[in-house]
PDB file of N, CA and C in Angstrom:
ATOM      1  N   MET A   1       0.889  -1.336   0.096  1.00  0.00           N
ATOM      2  CA  MET A   1       0.114  -0.220   0.133  1.00  0.00           C
ATOM      3  C   MET A   1       1.072   1.421   0.626  1.00  0.00           C
ATOM      4  N   ALA A   2       0.460   2.338  -0.944  1.00  0.00           N
ATOM      5  CA  ALA A   2       1.340   3.372  -0.688  1.00  0.00           C
ATOM      6  C   ALA A   2       0.251   4.445   0.114  1.00  0.00           C
ATOM      7  N   LYS A   3       1.316   5.875   0.633  1.00  0.00           N
ATOM      8  CA  LYS A   3      -0.046   6.658   1.634  1.00  0.00           C
ATOM      9  C   LYS A   3       1.032   7.838   0.074  1.00  0.00           C
ATOM     10  N   GLY A   4      -0.417   8.233   0.089  1.00  0.00           N
ATOM     11  CA  GLY A   4      -0.334   9.663  -0.463  1.00  0.00           C
ATOM     12  C   GLY A   4      -1.328  10.561  -0.305  1.00  0.00           C
ATOM     13  N   LEU A   5      -1.909  11.831  -0.978  1.00  0.00           N
ATOM     14  CA  LEU A   5      -2.776  12.727  -0.806  1.00  0.00           C
ATOM     15  C   LEU A   5      -3.563  13.086  -2.096  1.00  0.00           C
ATOM     16  N   ILE A   6      -4.636  13.159  -1.889  1.00  0.00           N
ATOM     17  CA  ILE A   6      -5.796  13.272  -2.790  1.00  0.00           C
ATOM     18  C   ILE A   6      -6.198  14.871  -2.430  1.00  0.00           C
ATOM     19  N   ARG A   7      -5.868  15.320  -3.521  1.00  0.00           N
ATOM     20  CA  ARG A   7      -6.661  16.923  -3.877  1.00  0.00           C
ATOM     21  C   ARG A   7      -7.848  17.357  -4.636  1.00  0.00           C
ATOM     22  N   TYR A   8      -9.005  17.874  -3.917  1.00  0.00           N
ATOM     23  CA  TYR A   8      -9.930  17.577  -4.693  1.00  0.00           C
ATOM     24  C   TYR A   8     -10.031  19.397  -5.038  1.00  0.00           C
ATOM     25  N   TRP A   9     -10.516  19.937  -6.228  1.00  0.00           N
ATOM     26  CA  TRP A   9     -11.009  21.152  -6.767  1.00  0.00           C
ATOM     27  C   TRP A   9     -12.334  21.300  -6.941  1.00  0.00           C
ATOM     28  N   ALA A  10     -12.627  22.371  -7.160  1.00  0.00           N
ATOM     29  CA  ALA A  10     -14.099  22.864  -7.851  1.00  0.00           C
ATOM     30  C   ALA A  10     -15.172  21.843  -6.676  1.00  0.00           C
ATOM     31  N   ALA A  11     -16.265  21.515  -7.602  1.00  0.00           N
ATOM     32  CA  ALA A  11     -16.746  20.697  -7.444  1.00  0.00           C
ATOM     33  C   ALA A  11     -16.865  19.660  -6.717  1.00  0.00           C
ATOM     34  N   ALA A  12     -15.984  19.166  -6.711  1.00  0.00           N
ATOM     35  CA  ALA A  12     -15.307  17.888  -6.100  1.00  0.00           C
ATOM     36  C   ALA A  12     -15.086  18.191  -4.350  1.00  0.00           C
ATOM     37  N   ARG A  13     -14.151  19.005  -4.407  1.00  0.00           N
ATOM     38  CA  ARG A  13     -14.010  19.984  -3.021  1.00  0.00           C
ATOM     39  C   ARG A  13     -15.248  20.259  -2.553  1.00  0.00           C
ATOM     40  N   ALA A  14     -16.204  20.414  -3.240  1.00  0.00           N
ATOM     41  CA  ALA A  14     -17.578  20.946  -2.459  1.00  0.00           C
ATOM     42  C   ALA A  14     -18.369  19.342  -2.025  1.00  0.00           C
ATOM     43  N   ALA A  15     -18.153  18.511  -2.911  1.00  0.00           N
ATOM     44  CA  ALA A  15     -18.981  16.896  -2.736  1.00  0.00           C
ATOM     45  C   ALA A  15     -18.121  16.405  -1.713  1.00  0.00           C
ATOM     46  N   ALA A  16     -16.844  16.314  -1.648  1.00  0.00           N
ATOM     47  CA  ALA A  16     -15.766  15.851  -0.279  1.00  0.00           C
ATOM     48  C   ALA A  16     -16.060  16.543   0.865  1.00  0.00           C
ATOM     49  N   GLY A  17     -16.334  18.067   0.761  1.00  0.00           N
ATOM     50  CA  GLY A  17     -16.542  18.412   2.165  1.00  0.00           C
ATOM     51  C   GLY A  17     -14.935  19.064   2.493  1.00  0.00           C
ATOM     52  N   VAL A  18     -13.946  18.398   1.969  1.00  0.00           N
ATOM     53  CA  VAL A  18     -12.292  18.453   2.506  1.00  0.00           C
ATOM     54  C   VAL A  18     -11.638  19.240   0.896  1.00  0.00           C
ATOM     55  N   ALA A  19     -10.591  19.377   1.336  1.00  0.00           N
ATOM     56  CA  ALA A  19     -10.060  20.336   0.046  1.00  0.00           C
ATOM     57  C   ALA A  19      -9.157  19.329  -0.630  1.00  0.00           C
ATOM     58  N   GLU A  20      -8.834  18.332   0.919  1.00  0.00           N
ATOM     59  CA  GLU A  20      -7.017  17.459   0.322  1.00  0.00           C
ATOM     60  C   GLU A  20      -7.614  16.279   1.998  1.00  0.00           C
ATOM     61  N   GLU A  21      -7.315  15.292   1.881  1.00  0.00           N
ATOM     62  CA  GLU A  21      -7.136  13.900   2.352  1.00  0.00           C
ATOM     63  C   GLU A  21      -6.138  12.916   2.252  1.00  0.00           C
ATOM     64  N   PRO A  22      -5.324  12.093   2.772  1.00  0.00           N
ATOM     65  CA  PRO A  22      -4.664  11.229   2.703  1.00  0.00           C
ATOM     66  C   PRO A  22      -5.413   9.921   2.058  1.00  0.00           C
ATOM     67  N   TYR A  23      -4.236   9.301   1.438  1.00  0.00           N
ATOM     68  CA  TYR A  23      -4.948   7.740   0.873  1.00  0.00           C
ATOM     69  C   TYR A  23      -4.017   6.843   1.574  1.00  0.00           C
ATOM     70  N   ASP A  24      -4.377   6.008   1.370  1.00  0.00           N
ATOM     71  CA  ASP A  24      -3.713   4.333   1.607  1.00  0.00           C
ATOM     72  C   ASP A  24      -4.167   3.327   0.372  1.00  0.00           C
ATOM     73  N   ALA A  25      -3.706   3.540   0.081  1.00  0.00           N
ATOM     74  CA  ALA A  25      -4.176   2.865  -1.405  1.00  0.00           C
ATOM     75  C   ALA A  25      -2.607   2.029  -2.496  1.00  0.00           C
ATOM     76  N   ALA A  26      -3.044   0.797  -2.890  1.00  0.00           N
ATOM     77  CA  ALA A  26      -2.010   0.437  -4.215  1.00  0.00           C
ATOM     78  C   ALA A  26      -2.282   0.759  -5.357  1.00  0.00           C
ATOM     79  N   THR A  27      -3.862   1.279  -5.617  1.00  0.00           N
ATOM     80  CA  THR A  27      -4.107   1.742  -7.268  1.00  0.00           C
ATOM     81  C   THR A  27      -4.788   3.040  -6.910  1.00  0.00           C
ATOM     82  N   LEU A  28      -5.286   3.324  -7.981  1.00  0.00           N
ATOM     83  CA  LEU A  28      -6.108   4.847  -8.169  1.00  0.00           C
ATOM     84  C   LEU A  28      -7.692   4.408  -7.602  1.00  0.00           C
ATOM     85  N   GLU A  29      -8.023   3.188  -8.212  1.00  0.00           N
ATOM     86  CA  GLU A  29      -9.558   2.833  -8.008  1.00  0.00           C
ATOM     87  C   GLU A  29      -9.749   2.481  -6.198  1.00  0.00           C
ATOM     88  N   GLU A  30      -8.884   2.268  -5.746  1.00  0.00           N
ATOM     89  CA  GLU A  30      -8.879   1.492  -4.407  1.00  0.00           C
ATOM     90  C   GLU A  30      -8.735   2.920  -3.703  1.00  0.00           C
ATOM     91  N   ALA A  31      -7.981   4.313  -3.924  1.00  0.00           N
ATOM     92  CA  ALA A  31      -7.862   5.048  -3.316  1.00  0.00           C
ATOM     93  C   ALA A  31      -9.418   5.867  -3.563  1.00  0.00           C
ATOM     94  N   LEU A  32      -9.792   6.233  -4.612  1.00  0.00           N
ATOM     95  CA  LEU A  32     -11.336   6.773  -5.039  1.00  0.00           C
ATOM     96  C   LEU A  32     -12.525   5.901  -4.529  1.00  0.00           C
ATOM     97  N   THR A  33     -12.428   4.407  -4.132  1.00  0.00           N
ATOM     98  CA  THR A  33     -13.081   3.887  -3.373  1.00  0.00           C
ATOM     99  C   THR A  33     -13.361   4.306  -2.175  1.00  0.00           C
ATOM    100  N   ALA A  34     -12.172   3.805  -1.522  1.00  0.00           N
ATOM    101  CA  ALA A  34     -11.907   4.505  -0.263  1.00  0.00           C
ATOM    102  C   ALA A  34     -12.892   5.711  -0.103  1.00  0.00           C
ATOM    103  N   ALA A  35     -11.975   6.920  -0.807  1.00  0.00           N
ATOM    104  CA  ALA A  35     -12.546   8.049  -0.782  1.00  0.00           C
ATOM    105  C   ALA A  35     -14.214   8.508  -0.816  1.00  0.00           C
ATOM    106  N   GLY A  36     -14.799   7.422  -1.667  1.00  0.00           N
ATOM    107  CA  GLY A  36     -16.343   7.487  -1.497  1.00  0.00           C
ATOM    108  C   GLY A  36     -16.937   6.643  -0.324  1.00  0.00           C
ATOM    109  N   SER A  37     -16.619   6.215   0.221  1.00  0.00           N
ATOM    110  CA  SER A  37     -16.500   5.475   1.817  1.00  0.00           C
ATOM    111  C   SER A  37     -17.488   6.432   2.668  1.00  0.00           C
ATOM    112  N   GLY A  38     -18.968   5.912   3.087  1.00  0.00           N
ATOM    113  CA  GLY A  38     -19.744   6.814   3.844  1.00  0.00           C
ATOM    114  C   GLY A  38     -19.821   7.966   2.772  1.00  0.00           C
ATOM    115  N   ARG A  39     -19.432   8.557   1.744  1.00  0.00           N
ATOM    116  CA  ARG A  39     -20.155  10.047   1.454  1.00  0.00           C
ATOM    117  C   ARG A  39     -21.408   9.868   0.579  1.00  0.00           C
ATOM    118  N   GLY A  40     -22.044  10.894   0.066  1.00  0.00           N
ATOM    119  CA  GLY A  40     -23.714  10.372  -0.672  1.00  0.00           C
ATOM    120  C   GLY A  40     -23.151  10.098  -2.588  1.00  0.00           C
ATOM    121  N   GLY A  41     -24.351  10.197  -2.554  1.00  0.00           N
ATOM    122  CA  GLY A  41     -24.423   9.847  -4.236  1.00  0.00           C
ATOM    123  C   GLY A  41     -23.930  11.552  -4.959  1.00  0.00           C
ATOM    124  N   GLU A  42     -23.859  12.411  -4.279  1.00  0.00           N
ATOM    125  CA  GLU A  42     -23.583  13.654  -5.461  1.00  0.00           C
ATOM    126  C   GLU A  42     -21.889  13.417  -5.378  1.00  0.00           C
ATOM    127  N   PHE A  43     -20.771  12.825  -3.925  1.00  0.00           N
ATOM    128  CA  PHE A  43     -19.693  13.071  -4.508  1.00  0.00           C
ATOM    129  C   PHE A  43     -19.174  11.817  -5.256  1.00  0.00           C
ATOM    130  N   GLU A  44     -20.206  10.326  -5.402  1.00  0.00           N
ATOM    131  CA  GLU A  44     -20.052   9.935  -6.591  1.00  0.00           C
ATOM    132  C   GLU A  44     -20.425  10.085  -8.130  1.00  0.00           C
ATOM    133  N   ARG A  45     -21.251  11.133  -7.771  1.00  0.00           N
ATOM    134  CA  ARG A  45     -21.419  11.801  -9.370  1.00  0.00           C
ATOM    135  C   ARG A  45     -20.457  12.721  -9.828  1.00  0.00           C
ATOM    136  N   VAL A  46     -19.788  13.020  -8.786  1.00  0.00           N
ATOM    137  CA  VAL A  46     -18.866  13.993  -9.253  1.00  0.00           C
ATOM    138  C   VAL A  46     -17.598  13.649  -9.955  1.00  0.00           C
ATOM    139  N   LEU A  47     -17.093  12.368  -8.941  1.00  0.00           N
ATOM    140  CA  LEU A  47     -16.341  11.539  -9.750  1.00  0.00           C
ATOM    141  C   LEU A  47     -16.911  10.797 -11.160  1.00  0.00           C
ATOM    142  N   ALA A  48     -17.593  10.471 -10.868  1.00  0.00           N
ATOM    143  CA  ALA A  48     -17.922   9.979 -12.411  1.00  0.00           C
ATOM    144  C   ALA A  48     -17.384  11.017 -13.836  1.00  0.00           C
ATOM    145  N   ARG A  49     -17.674  12.251 -13.550  1.00  0.00           N
ATOM    146  CA  ARG A  49     -17.713  13.387 -13.991  1.00  0.00           C
ATOM    147  C   ARG A  49     -16.392  13.958 -14.348  1.00  0.00           C
ATOM    148  N   SER A  50     -15.769  13.503 -13.299  1.00  0.00           N
ATOM    149  CA  SER A  50     -13.950  13.773 -13.103  1.00  0.00           C
ATOM    150  C   SER A  50     -12.926  13.555 -14.000  1.00  0.00           C
ATOM    151  N   SER A  51     -11.695  14.102 -14.175  1.00  0.00           N
ATOM    152  CA  SER A  51     -10.480  13.990 -14.731  1.00  0.00           C
ATOM    153  C   SER A  51      -9.812  13.745 -13.753  1.00  0.00           C
ATOM    154  N   PHE A  52      -8.909  12.853 -13.437  1.00  0.00           N
ATOM    155  CA  PHE A  52      -7.632  12.500 -12.635  1.00  0.00           C
ATOM    156  C   PHE A  52      -6.341  12.845 -13.374  1.00  0.00           C
ATOM    157  N   LEU A  53      -5.630  13.390 -12.394  1.00  0.00           N
ATOM    158  CA  LEU A  53      -3.915  13.181 -12.247  1.00  0.00           C
ATOM    159  C   LEU A  53      -2.860  12.951 -11.459  1.00  0.00           C
ATOM    160  N   VAL A  54      -2.456  11.920 -11.610  1.00  0.00           N
ATOM    161  CA  VAL A  54      -1.871  11.612 -10.711  1.00  0.00           C
ATOM    162  C   VAL A  54      -0.388  11.776 -10.275  1.00  0.00           C
ATOM    163  N   ASP A  55       0.463  12.826  -9.657  1.00  0.00           N
ATOM    164  CA  ASP A  55       1.715  13.583  -9.912  1.00  0.00           C
ATOM    165  C   ASP A  55       1.918  14.242 -11.361  1.00  0.00           C
ATOM    166  N   GLY A  56       0.566  14.908 -11.884  1.00  0.00           N
ATOM    167  CA  GLY A  56       0.976  15.642 -12.266  1.00  0.00           C
ATOM    168  C   GLY A  56       0.599  15.072 -13.798  1.00  0.00           C
ATOM    169  N   ALA A  57       0.526  13.909 -14.120  1.00  0.00           N
ATOM    170  CA  ALA A  57       0.268  12.962 -15.606  1.00  0.00           C
ATOM    171  C   ALA A  57      -1.565  13.023 -15.455  1.00  0.00           C
ATOM    172  N   PRO A  58      -1.666  12.772 -16.274  1.00  0.00           N
ATOM    173  CA  PRO A  58      -3.358  13.151 -16.816  1.00  0.00           C
ATOM    174  C   PRO A  58      -3.376  10.939 -16.655  1.00  0.00           C
ATOM    175  N   VAL A  59      -4.539  11.070 -16.251  1.00  0.00           N
ATOM    176  CA  VAL A  59      -4.628   9.535 -15.960  1.00  0.00           C
ATOM    177  C   VAL A  59      -5.675   9.091 -17.558  1.00  0.00           C
ATOM    178  N   GLY A  60      -6.449   9.931 -17.834  1.00  0.00           N
ATOM    179  CA  GLY A  60      -7.315  10.313 -19.236  1.00  0.00           C
ATOM    180  C   GLY A  60      -7.964   8.678 -19.215  1.00  0.00           C
ATOM    181  N   THR A  61      -8.086   7.617 -20.026  1.00  0.00           N
ATOM    182  CA  THR A  61      -9.296   6.492 -20.259  1.00  0.00           C
ATOM    183  C   THR A  61      -8.447   5.262 -19.568  1.00  0.00           C
ATOM    184  N   ARG A  62      -7.591   5.016 -19.057  1.00  0.00           N
ATOM    185  CA  ARG A  62      -6.908   4.387 -18.243  1.00  0.00           C
ATOM    186  C   ARG A  62      -8.202   3.289 -17.174  1.00  0.00           C
ATOM    187  N   ASP A  63      -7.913   2.408 -17.306  1.00  0.00           N
ATOM    188  CA  ASP A  63      -8.562   1.765 -16.280  1.00  0.00           C
ATOM    189  C   ASP A  63      -7.838   2.079 -14.599  1.00  0.00           C
ATOM    190  N   HIS A  64      -8.660   2.945 -13.618  1.00  0.00           N
ATOM    191  CA  HIS A  64      -8.387   3.475 -12.691  1.00  0.00           C
ATOM    192  C   HIS A  64      -7.727   1.767 -11.963  1.00  0.00           C
ATOM    193  N   ALA A  65      -7.942   0.794 -12.099  1.00  0.00           N
ATOM    194  CA  ALA A  65      -7.613  -0.179 -11.430  1.00  0.00           C
ATOM    195  C   ALA A  65      -6.008  -0.663 -11.793  1.00  0.00           C
ATOM    196  N   SER A  66      -5.510  -0.129 -12.825  1.00  0.00           N
ATOM    197  CA  SER A  66      -4.339  -0.381 -13.694  1.00  0.00           C
ATOM    198  C   SER A  66      -3.165   0.990 -13.336  1.00  0.00           C
ATOM    199  N   ILE A  67      -3.747   2.055 -12.662  1.00  0.00           N
ATOM    200  CA  ILE A  67      -2.807   3.190 -12.209  1.00  0.00           C
ATOM    201  C   ILE A  67      -2.402   2.851 -10.530  1.00  0.00           C
ATOM    202  N   GLU A  68      -0.986   2.446 -10.675  1.00  0.00           N
ATOM    203  CA  GLU A  68      -0.332   2.177  -9.565  1.00  0.00           C
ATOM    204  C   GLU A  68      -0.111   2.985  -8.712  1.00  0.00           C
ATOM    205  N   LEU A  69      -0.677   3.257  -7.163  1.00  0.00           N
ATOM    206  CA  LEU A  69       0.212   4.779  -6.746  1.00  0.00           C
ATOM    207  C   LEU A  69       1.480   4.411  -6.012  1.00  0.00           C
ATOM    208  N   THR A  70       2.195   5.728  -6.075  1.00  0.00           N
ATOM    209  CA  THR A  70       3.432   5.804  -5.106  1.00  0.00           C
ATOM    210  C   THR A  70       2.996   6.491  -3.654  1.00  0.00           C
ATOM    211  N   ASP A  71       4.431   6.091  -3.196  1.00  0.00           N
ATOM    212  CA  ASP A  71       4.439   6.892  -1.740  1.00  0.00           C
ATOM    213  C   ASP A  71       4.772   7.904  -2.206  1.00  0.00           C
ATOM    214  N   GLY A  72       3.820   9.036  -1.193  1.00  0.00           N
ATOM    215  CA  GLY A  72       4.130  10.335  -1.466  1.00  0.00           C
ATOM    216  C   GLY A  72       3.189  10.959  -2.850  1.00  0.00           C
ATOM    217  N   ALA A  73       2.441  10.452  -3.767  1.00  0.00           N
ATOM    218  CA  ALA A  73       1.919  10.848  -4.899  1.00  0.00           C
ATOM    219  C   ALA A  73       0.865  11.182  -4.786  1.00  0.00           C
ATOM    220  N   THR A  74       0.234  12.314  -5.277  1.00  0.00           N
ATOM    221  CA  THR A  74      -0.694  12.995  -5.443  1.00  0.00           C
ATOM    222  C   THR A  74      -1.905  12.757  -6.421  1.00  0.00           C
ATOM    223  N   VAL A  75      -2.828  12.915  -5.833  1.00  0.00           N
ATOM    224  CA  VAL A  75      -3.735  12.746  -6.786  1.00  0.00           C
ATOM    225  C   VAL A  75      -4.635  13.507  -6.583  1.00  0.00           C
ATOM    226  N   GLU A  76      -5.290  14.105  -7.886  1.00  0.00           N
ATOM    227  CA  GLU A  76      -6.020  15.130  -8.283  1.00  0.00           C
ATOM    228  C   GLU A  76      -7.032  14.912  -8.591  1.00  0.00           C
ATOM    229  N   VAL A  77      -8.461  15.612  -8.011  1.00  0.00           N
ATOM    230  CA  VAL A  77      -9.490  15.136  -8.759  1.00  0.00           C
ATOM    231  C   VAL A  77     -10.215  16.295  -9.740  1.00  0.00           C
ATOM    232  N   LEU A  78     -10.468  16.842 -10.937  1.00  0.00           N
ATOM    233  CA  LEU A  78     -10.409  17.774 -11.231  1.00  0.00           C
ATOM    234  C   LEU A  78     -12.171  17.299 -12.108  1.00  0.00           C
ATOM    235  N   PRO A  79     -12.986  18.025 -11.674  1.00  0.00           N
ATOM    236  CA  PRO A  79     -14.231  18.182 -12.413  1.00  0.00           C
ATOM    237  C   PRO A  79     -14.482  18.862 -13.573  1.00  0.00           C
ATOM    238  N   PRO A  80     -15.504  18.754 -14.481  1.00  0.00           N
ATOM    239  CA  PRO A  80     -15.908  20.039 -15.088  1.00  0.00           C
ATOM    240  C   PRO A  80     -15.860  21.282 -14.911  1.00  0.00           C
ATOM    241  N   PHE A  81     -14.989  22.153 -15.751  1.00  0.00           N
ATOM    242  CA  PHE A  81     -14.654  23.245 -15.379  1.00  0.00           C
ATOM    243  C   PHE A  81     -15.473  24.197 -16.240  1.00  0.00           C
ATOM    244  N   ALA A  82     -16.323  25.389 -15.992  1.00  0.00           N
ATOM    245  CA  ALA A  82     -16.767  26.159 -16.906  1.00  0.00           C
ATOM    246  C   ALA A  82     -15.407  27.007 -17.427  1.00  0.00           C
ATOM    247  N   GLY A  83     -16.312  27.594 -18.550  1.00  0.00           N
ATOM    248  CA  GLY A  83     -15.471  28.807 -19.172  1.00  0.00           C
ATOM    249  C   GLY A  83     -14.081  28.274 -19.462  1.00  0.00           C
ATOM    250  N   GLY A  84     -12.722  28.733 -19.529  1.00  0.00           N
ATOM    251  CA  GLY A  84     -11.554  28.503 -20.026  1.00  0.00           C
ATOM    252  C   GLY A  84     -10.333  29.323 -20.234  1.00  0.00           C
TER     253      GLY A  84
END
């Protein structure tokens, strides 16, 4: 298991109720599943629409179970933003 930080932006921050939180997970899928535990459906809806960065690298359409996390990594949760 790796330990790191999840940062939430905009609507993801509002749905999570925090700006950031630690994770203890081997993969992005495990980290997001743990983060969603005990949070309502709005959090799940925001995650379903969000993009993710791991240490600044876009995850894109890759399976979250295939994204291995390392100690000290930062996961950024980026919901769709209006404007540009």
